Amino acid sequence: MSSSSVTNPSAADETLRAQIFQRLHPRVYLERFIAENIRPDGRTFDEWRSVSVNAGSISTADGSALVRMGDTTIVCGVKAEIAEPELDRPEQGFLVPNIDLPAICSPKFKPGPPTEEAQVLSDRLNEALIASGALPLSSLCIHPGKAVWTLYVDCTCINYDGNAFDAALLAMLGALRNTTLPKATYNEETGRTTCSRQTRSPLQITRNFTSTSFGVLDTSHVLSDPTAFEEPLMDVTLTVIVDDRGDLISTTESGGAILEETLLRCINRAKERALQLKG
């Protein structure tokens, strides 16, 4: 065996050492990359992962979409059912978003009932869809006070590598745009609603919008579209939702306070991102 093979560790050994160091000291591992103005996956701070949307991926659903955001993969299906409206909102239907983070998508999640993270994500997705006003609930009315559509918008994460909220919201919007409903008629004499199999109509989506998430490290380093490794190491996470005209819909922070100039910078980045995805 030559002396060089003994004194110079192989590339495989170096990779293994780096992986061990990453697991034992994740924060220090990340900070060493940040000090070099690069991220562990090779992206710059402002760089987004590639995104693809495949609509109509589930033939048995009324609408569906498959979204890949880097290695995060989420599939969404929409199922429509007829229900009675609430008494105080007789002309409004229902939109019921939900996301499942099964154990198969990441070692982070365990088998069993929905995790708290999944429940929080579902609530945030519901708030985003309602706040945007993208789908007027009045457009889901079949007959006031008698029959409305309920849309179950269910997402399942197939592979988890961070930023599930942005990917899930994009999948939900793609599935809703792909959704068609059969023509439904309510018969007042019989009290029944019948649907036509031949005639279907798309949903009345009135607003397109985009969610962009950021992680803030040490108050000054802002990372766009954080990965599963980066997310838990962030001091603050911020999500900005804007429509395709650049109008701000909402901002959501977690983990602590954020500087005003950092917030404004993220909002501007979110607007640029919305234009990129629109194009």
Protein backbone atom coordinates (compact mmCIF):
# COMPACT_ATOMS: atom_id res chain seq x y z
CA MET A 1 0.00 0.00 0.00
CA SER A 2 1.46 3.38 -0.98
CA SER A 3 2.12 6.10 1.57
CA SER A 4 -0.25 8.49 -0.23
CA SER A 5 -3.19 6.13 0.25
CA VAL A 6 -2.45 6.03 3.97
CA THR A 7 -1.87 9.75 4.59
CA ASN A 8 -4.58 11.09 2.27
CA PRO A 9 -8.09 10.03 3.28
CA SER A 10 -10.37 9.04 0.46
CA ALA A 11 -13.28 11.18 -0.70
CA ALA A 12 -15.66 8.61 0.82
CA ASP A 13 -13.99 9.00 4.22
CA GLU A 14 -14.25 12.79 4.00
CA THR A 15 -17.93 12.55 3.09
CA LEU A 16 -18.58 10.20 6.02
CA ARG A 17 -16.80 12.53 8.43
CA ALA A 18 -18.84 15.46 7.16
CA GLN A 19 -22.08 13.51 7.60
CA ILE A 20 -21.14 12.55 11.17
CA PHE A 21 -20.20 16.14 12.00
CA GLN A 22 -23.48 17.36 10.47
CA ARG A 23 -25.50 15.02 12.70
CA LEU A 24 -23.55 15.80 15.87
CA HIS A 25 -23.17 19.56 15.38
CA PRO A 26 -25.84 20.69 12.87
CA ARG A 27 -25.81 24.37 13.85
CA VAL A 28 -22.02 24.69 13.59
CA TYR A 29 -22.09 22.72 10.32
CA LEU A 30 -24.60 25.17 8.82
CA GLU A 31 -22.79 28.25 10.18
CA ARG A 32 -19.57 27.17 8.47
CA PHE A 33 -21.36 27.16 5.14
CA ILE A 34 -23.08 30.48 5.89
CA ALA A 35 -19.68 32.03 6.64
CA GLU A 36 -18.70 31.15 3.05
CA ASN A 37 -21.95 32.67 1.68
CA ILE A 38 -23.20 29.29 0.50
CA ARG A 39 -25.67 26.71 1.76
CA PRO A 40 -25.11 22.97 2.33
CA ASP A 41 -27.00 22.06 -0.86
CA GLY A 42 -24.94 24.51 -2.95
CA ARG A 43 -27.56 27.25 -3.25
CA THR A 44 -27.01 30.91 -2.54
CA PHE A 45 -29.08 32.54 0.21
CA ASP A 46 -31.59 33.98 -2.29
CA GLU A 47 -31.84 30.89 -4.49
CA TRP A 48 -35.01 28.81 -4.75
CA ARG A 49 -35.23 25.13 -5.51
CA SER A 50 -36.71 24.06 -8.84
CA VAL A 51 -40.49 23.66 -8.91
CA SER A 52 -42.72 21.52 -11.13
CA VAL A 53 -46.51 21.14 -11.15
CA ASN A 54 -48.29 18.23 -12.82
CA ALA A 55 -52.05 18.78 -12.90
CA GLY A 56 -54.59 15.98 -13.28
CA SER A 57 -52.33 13.32 -11.79
CA ILE A 58 -55.18 11.45 -10.00
CA SER A 59 -57.87 10.20 -12.37
CA THR A 60 -60.33 9.27 -9.59
CA ALA A 61 -60.40 12.79 -8.09
CA ASP A 62 -62.46 15.77 -9.24
CA GLY A 63 -59.18 17.66 -9.50
CA SER A 64 -55.56 16.97 -8.59
CA ALA A 65 -51.97 18.13 -8.82
CA LEU A 66 -48.52 16.79 -8.04
CA VAL A 67 -45.90 19.34 -6.94
CA ARG A 68 -42.15 18.87 -6.62
CA MET A 69 -40.19 21.59 -4.85
CA GLY A 70 -36.64 20.36 -4.80
CA ASP A 71 -36.90 16.97 -3.09
CA THR A 72 -40.18 17.84 -1.34
CA THR A 73 -43.01 16.10 -3.20
CA ILE A 74 -46.70 16.58 -2.43
CA VAL A 75 -49.77 15.22 -4.19
CA CYS A 76 -53.20 16.83 -3.76
CA GLY A 77 -56.63 15.56 -4.67
CA VAL A 78 -60.02 17.29 -4.53
CA LYS A 79 -63.25 15.41 -3.87
CA ALA A 80 -66.60 17.17 -4.07
CA GLU A 81 -69.68 16.22 -2.07
CA ILE A 82 -73.10 17.81 -1.69
CA ALA A 83 -74.10 19.07 1.73
CA GLU A 84 -76.55 21.38 3.45
CA PRO A 85 -75.24 24.91 4.09
CA GLU A 86 -75.01 26.46 7.52
CA LEU A 87 -78.09 28.39 8.65
CA ASP A 88 -76.25 31.72 8.95
CA ARG A 89 -74.54 31.27 5.56
CA PRO A 90 -77.20 29.72 3.34
CA GLU A 91 -75.43 30.58 0.06
CA GLN A 92 -71.89 29.48 0.94
CA GLY A 93 -70.29 26.13 0.35
CA PHE A 94 -67.37 24.60 2.23
CA LEU A 95 -63.63 24.34 1.56
CA VAL A 96 -61.89 21.74 3.75
CA PRO A 97 -58.09 21.61 3.28
CA ASN A 98 -55.97 18.97 4.99
CA ILE A 99 -52.41 17.71 4.79
CA ASP A 100 -51.01 14.35 5.83
CA LEU A 101 -47.35 13.90 6.74
CA PRO A 102 -47.01 10.10 6.87
CA ALA A 103 -44.03 8.24 8.25
CA ILE A 104 -43.12 7.10 4.75
CA CYS A 105 -42.18 10.65 3.68
CA SER A 106 -39.46 11.21 6.30
CA PRO A 107 -37.86 9.59 9.36
CA LYS A 108 -38.93 12.77 11.17
CA PHE A 109 -42.53 11.54 11.29
CA LYS A 110 -43.84 8.48 13.11
CA PRO A 111 -46.78 6.17 12.29
CA GLY A 112 -50.04 6.93 14.03
CA PRO A 113 -52.55 9.78 14.25
CA PRO A 114 -51.85 13.14 12.57
CA THR A 115 -48.90 14.97 14.08
CA GLU A 116 -49.21 18.41 15.64
CA GLU A 117 -47.14 19.78 12.75
CA ALA A 118 -49.66 18.39 10.24
CA GLN A 119 -52.58 19.92 12.16
CA VAL A 120 -50.85 23.31 12.34
CA LEU A 121 -50.07 23.15 8.62
CA SER A 122 -53.71 22.30 7.82
CA ASP A 123 -54.89 25.31 9.85
CA ARG A 124 -52.40 27.59 8.10
CA LEU A 125 -53.44 26.31 4.68
CA ASN A 126 -57.10 26.92 5.51
CA GLU A 127 -56.32 30.47 6.67
CA ALA A 128 -54.33 31.17 3.50
CA LEU A 129 -57.08 29.93 1.19
CA ILE A 130 -59.79 31.87 3.04
CA ALA A 131 -57.71 35.07 3.39
CA SER A 132 -56.88 35.10 -0.31
CA GLY A 133 -60.52 34.95 -1.40
CA ALA A 134 -59.31 32.99 -4.43
CA LEU A 135 -62.42 30.81 -4.48
CA PRO A 136 -65.63 32.61 -3.40
CA LEU A 137 -67.59 30.16 -1.25
CA SER A 138 -70.77 31.59 -2.76
CA SER A 139 -69.71 30.03 -6.09
CA LEU A 140 -70.20 26.61 -4.47
CA CYS A 141 -73.91 27.20 -3.88
CA ILE A 142 -76.31 24.87 -5.69
CA HIS A 143 -79.56 26.14 -4.10
CA PRO A 144 -79.61 28.70 -1.26
CA GLY A 145 -80.33 27.15 2.09
CA LYS A 146 -80.70 23.67 0.62
CA ALA A 147 -77.61 22.38 -1.17
CA VAL A 148 -73.99 23.45 -1.59
CA TRP A 149 -70.72 21.84 -2.61
CA THR A 150 -68.17 20.74 -0.04
CA LEU A 151 -64.65 20.49 -1.45
CA TYR A 152 -62.25 18.23 0.44
CA VAL A 153 -58.76 19.33 -0.58
CA ASP A 154 -56.43 16.61 0.71
CA CYS A 155 -52.65 16.71 0.40
CA THR A 156 -50.25 13.88 1.11
CA CYS A 157 -46.52 14.43 1.40
CA ILE A 158 -44.70 11.70 -0.50
CA ASN A 159 -41.19 12.97 0.23
CA TYR A 160 -40.33 15.62 2.82
CA ASP A 161 -37.33 17.92 2.47
CA GLY A 162 -38.59 21.10 4.09
CA ASN A 163 -40.94 23.96 3.21
CA ALA A 164 -44.01 21.74 3.09
CA PHE A 165 -46.33 24.76 3.44
CA ASP A 166 -45.29 26.40 0.16
CA ALA A 167 -45.38 23.09 -1.70
CA ALA A 168 -48.76 22.09 -0.24
CA LEU A 169 -50.37 25.45 -1.00
CA LEU A 170 -49.07 25.30 -4.57
CA ALA A 171 -50.45 21.74 -4.89
CA MET A 172 -53.84 22.81 -3.50
CA LEU A 173 -54.11 25.73 -5.90
CA GLY A 174 -53.07 23.52 -8.81
CA ALA A 175 -55.66 20.90 -7.83
CA LEU A 176 -58.42 23.50 -7.44
CA ARG A 177 -57.63 24.98 -10.86
CA ASN A 178 -57.83 21.44 -12.26
CA THR A 179 -61.16 20.70 -10.55
CA THR A 180 -64.43 20.47 -12.45
CA LEU A 181 -67.87 19.96 -10.90
CA PRO A 182 -70.88 18.26 -12.49
CA LYS A 183 -73.91 20.43 -13.14
CA ALA A 184 -76.15 20.01 -10.08
CA THR A 185 -79.87 20.77 -9.85
CA TYR A 186 -81.94 20.87 -6.67
CA ASN A 187 -85.56 19.70 -6.93
CA GLU A 188 -87.72 21.58 -4.41
CA GLU A 189 -90.56 19.05 -4.68
CA THR A 190 -88.46 16.00 -3.85
CA GLY A 191 -85.78 17.78 -1.82
CA ARG A 192 -83.09 15.99 -3.78
CA THR A 193 -80.13 17.16 -5.79
CA THR A 194 -79.25 15.47 -9.07
CA CYS A 195 -75.99 15.75 -10.99
CA SER A 196 -75.30 15.54 -14.71
CA ARG A 197 -72.48 13.25 -15.77
CA GLN A 198 -72.13 14.93 -19.16
CA THR A 199 -71.81 18.57 -18.11
CA ARG A 200 -68.96 19.70 -15.88
CA SER A 201 -67.70 23.20 -15.12
CA PRO A 202 -64.40 24.48 -13.67
CA LEU A 203 -64.26 26.31 -10.35
CA GLN A 204 -64.45 30.11 -10.34
CA ILE A 205 -60.88 30.85 -9.24
CA THR A 206 -60.76 34.65 -9.04
CA ARG A 207 -57.23 35.21 -7.73
CA ASN A 208 -53.84 33.59 -8.23
CA PHE A 209 -51.31 33.82 -5.41
CA THR A 210 -48.01 32.39 -4.23
CA SER A 211 -46.55 31.51 -0.86
CA THR A 212 -42.82 32.02 -0.24
CA SER A 213 -41.08 30.99 2.98
CA PHE A 214 -37.82 32.15 4.49
CA GLY A 215 -35.59 31.20 7.39
CA VAL A 216 -33.67 33.85 9.34
CA LEU A 217 -30.39 32.96 11.07
CA ASP A 218 -28.65 35.35 13.47
CA THR A 219 -31.05 38.18 12.47
CA SER A 220 -29.08 38.99 9.32
CA HIS A 221 -28.88 35.84 7.18
CA VAL A 222 -32.11 35.20 5.25
CA LEU A 223 -32.42 31.83 3.50
CA SER A 224 -35.09 31.38 0.84
CA ASP A 225 -36.99 28.09 0.66
CA PRO A 226 -35.27 26.30 3.60
CA THR A 227 -34.68 22.55 3.46
CA ALA A 228 -35.57 20.00 6.13
CA PHE A 229 -32.02 20.28 7.49
CA GLU A 230 -32.10 24.09 7.64
CA GLU A 231 -35.64 24.60 9.00
CA PRO A 232 -35.14 23.52 12.65
CA LEU A 233 -31.91 25.56 12.87
CA MET A 234 -33.55 28.86 11.93
CA ASP A 235 -34.12 31.48 14.64
CA VAL A 236 -37.21 32.81 12.85
CA THR A 237 -39.31 31.49 9.96
CA LEU A 238 -41.37 33.82 7.81
CA THR A 239 -44.00 33.08 5.17
CA VAL A 240 -45.14 35.79 2.76
CA ILE A 241 -48.19 35.37 0.51
CA VAL A 242 -48.67 37.71 -2.45
CA ASP A 243 -50.89 37.55 -5.51
CA ASP A 244 -49.66 37.62 -9.10
CA ARG A 245 -50.16 41.40 -9.24
CA GLY A 246 -47.73 41.87 -6.38
CA ASP A 247 -50.35 42.72 -3.76
CA LEU A 248 -49.53 41.50 -0.25
CA ILE A 249 -52.09 39.07 1.21
CA SER A 250 -50.49 38.01 4.49
CA THR A 251 -47.27 37.45 6.44
CA THR A 252 -46.77 34.81 9.14
CA GLU A 253 -43.82 34.71 11.54
CA SER A 254 -42.83 32.04 14.04
CA GLY A 255 -39.92 31.66 16.41
CA GLY A 256 -39.43 35.29 17.36
CA ALA A 257 -39.39 38.88 16.20
CA ILE A 258 -38.00 39.96 12.84
CA LEU A 259 -36.39 43.26 11.89
CA GLU A 260 -38.54 45.57 9.78
CA GLU A 261 -35.90 45.88 7.07
CA THR A 262 -35.64 42.08 6.90
CA LEU A 263 -39.41 41.80 6.60
CA LEU A 264 -39.49 44.33 3.76
CA ARG A 265 -36.65 42.53 1.99
CA CYS A 266 -38.53 39.23 2.22
CA ILE A 267 -41.73 40.82 0.90
CA ASN A 268 -39.84 42.17 -2.11
CA ARG A 269 -38.28 38.75 -2.71
CA ALA A 270 -41.73 37.16 -2.47
CA LYS A 271 -43.06 39.53 -5.13
CA GLU A 272 -40.15 38.68 -7.43
CA ARG A 273 -40.79 34.99 -6.84
CA ALA A 274 -44.48 35.37 -7.68
CA LEU A 275 -43.55 36.92 -11.02
CA GLN A 276 -41.10 34.07 -11.72
CA LEU A 277 -43.70 31.39 -11.04
CA LYS A 278 -46.31 33.28 -13.06
CA GLY A 279 -43.98 33.29 -16.03
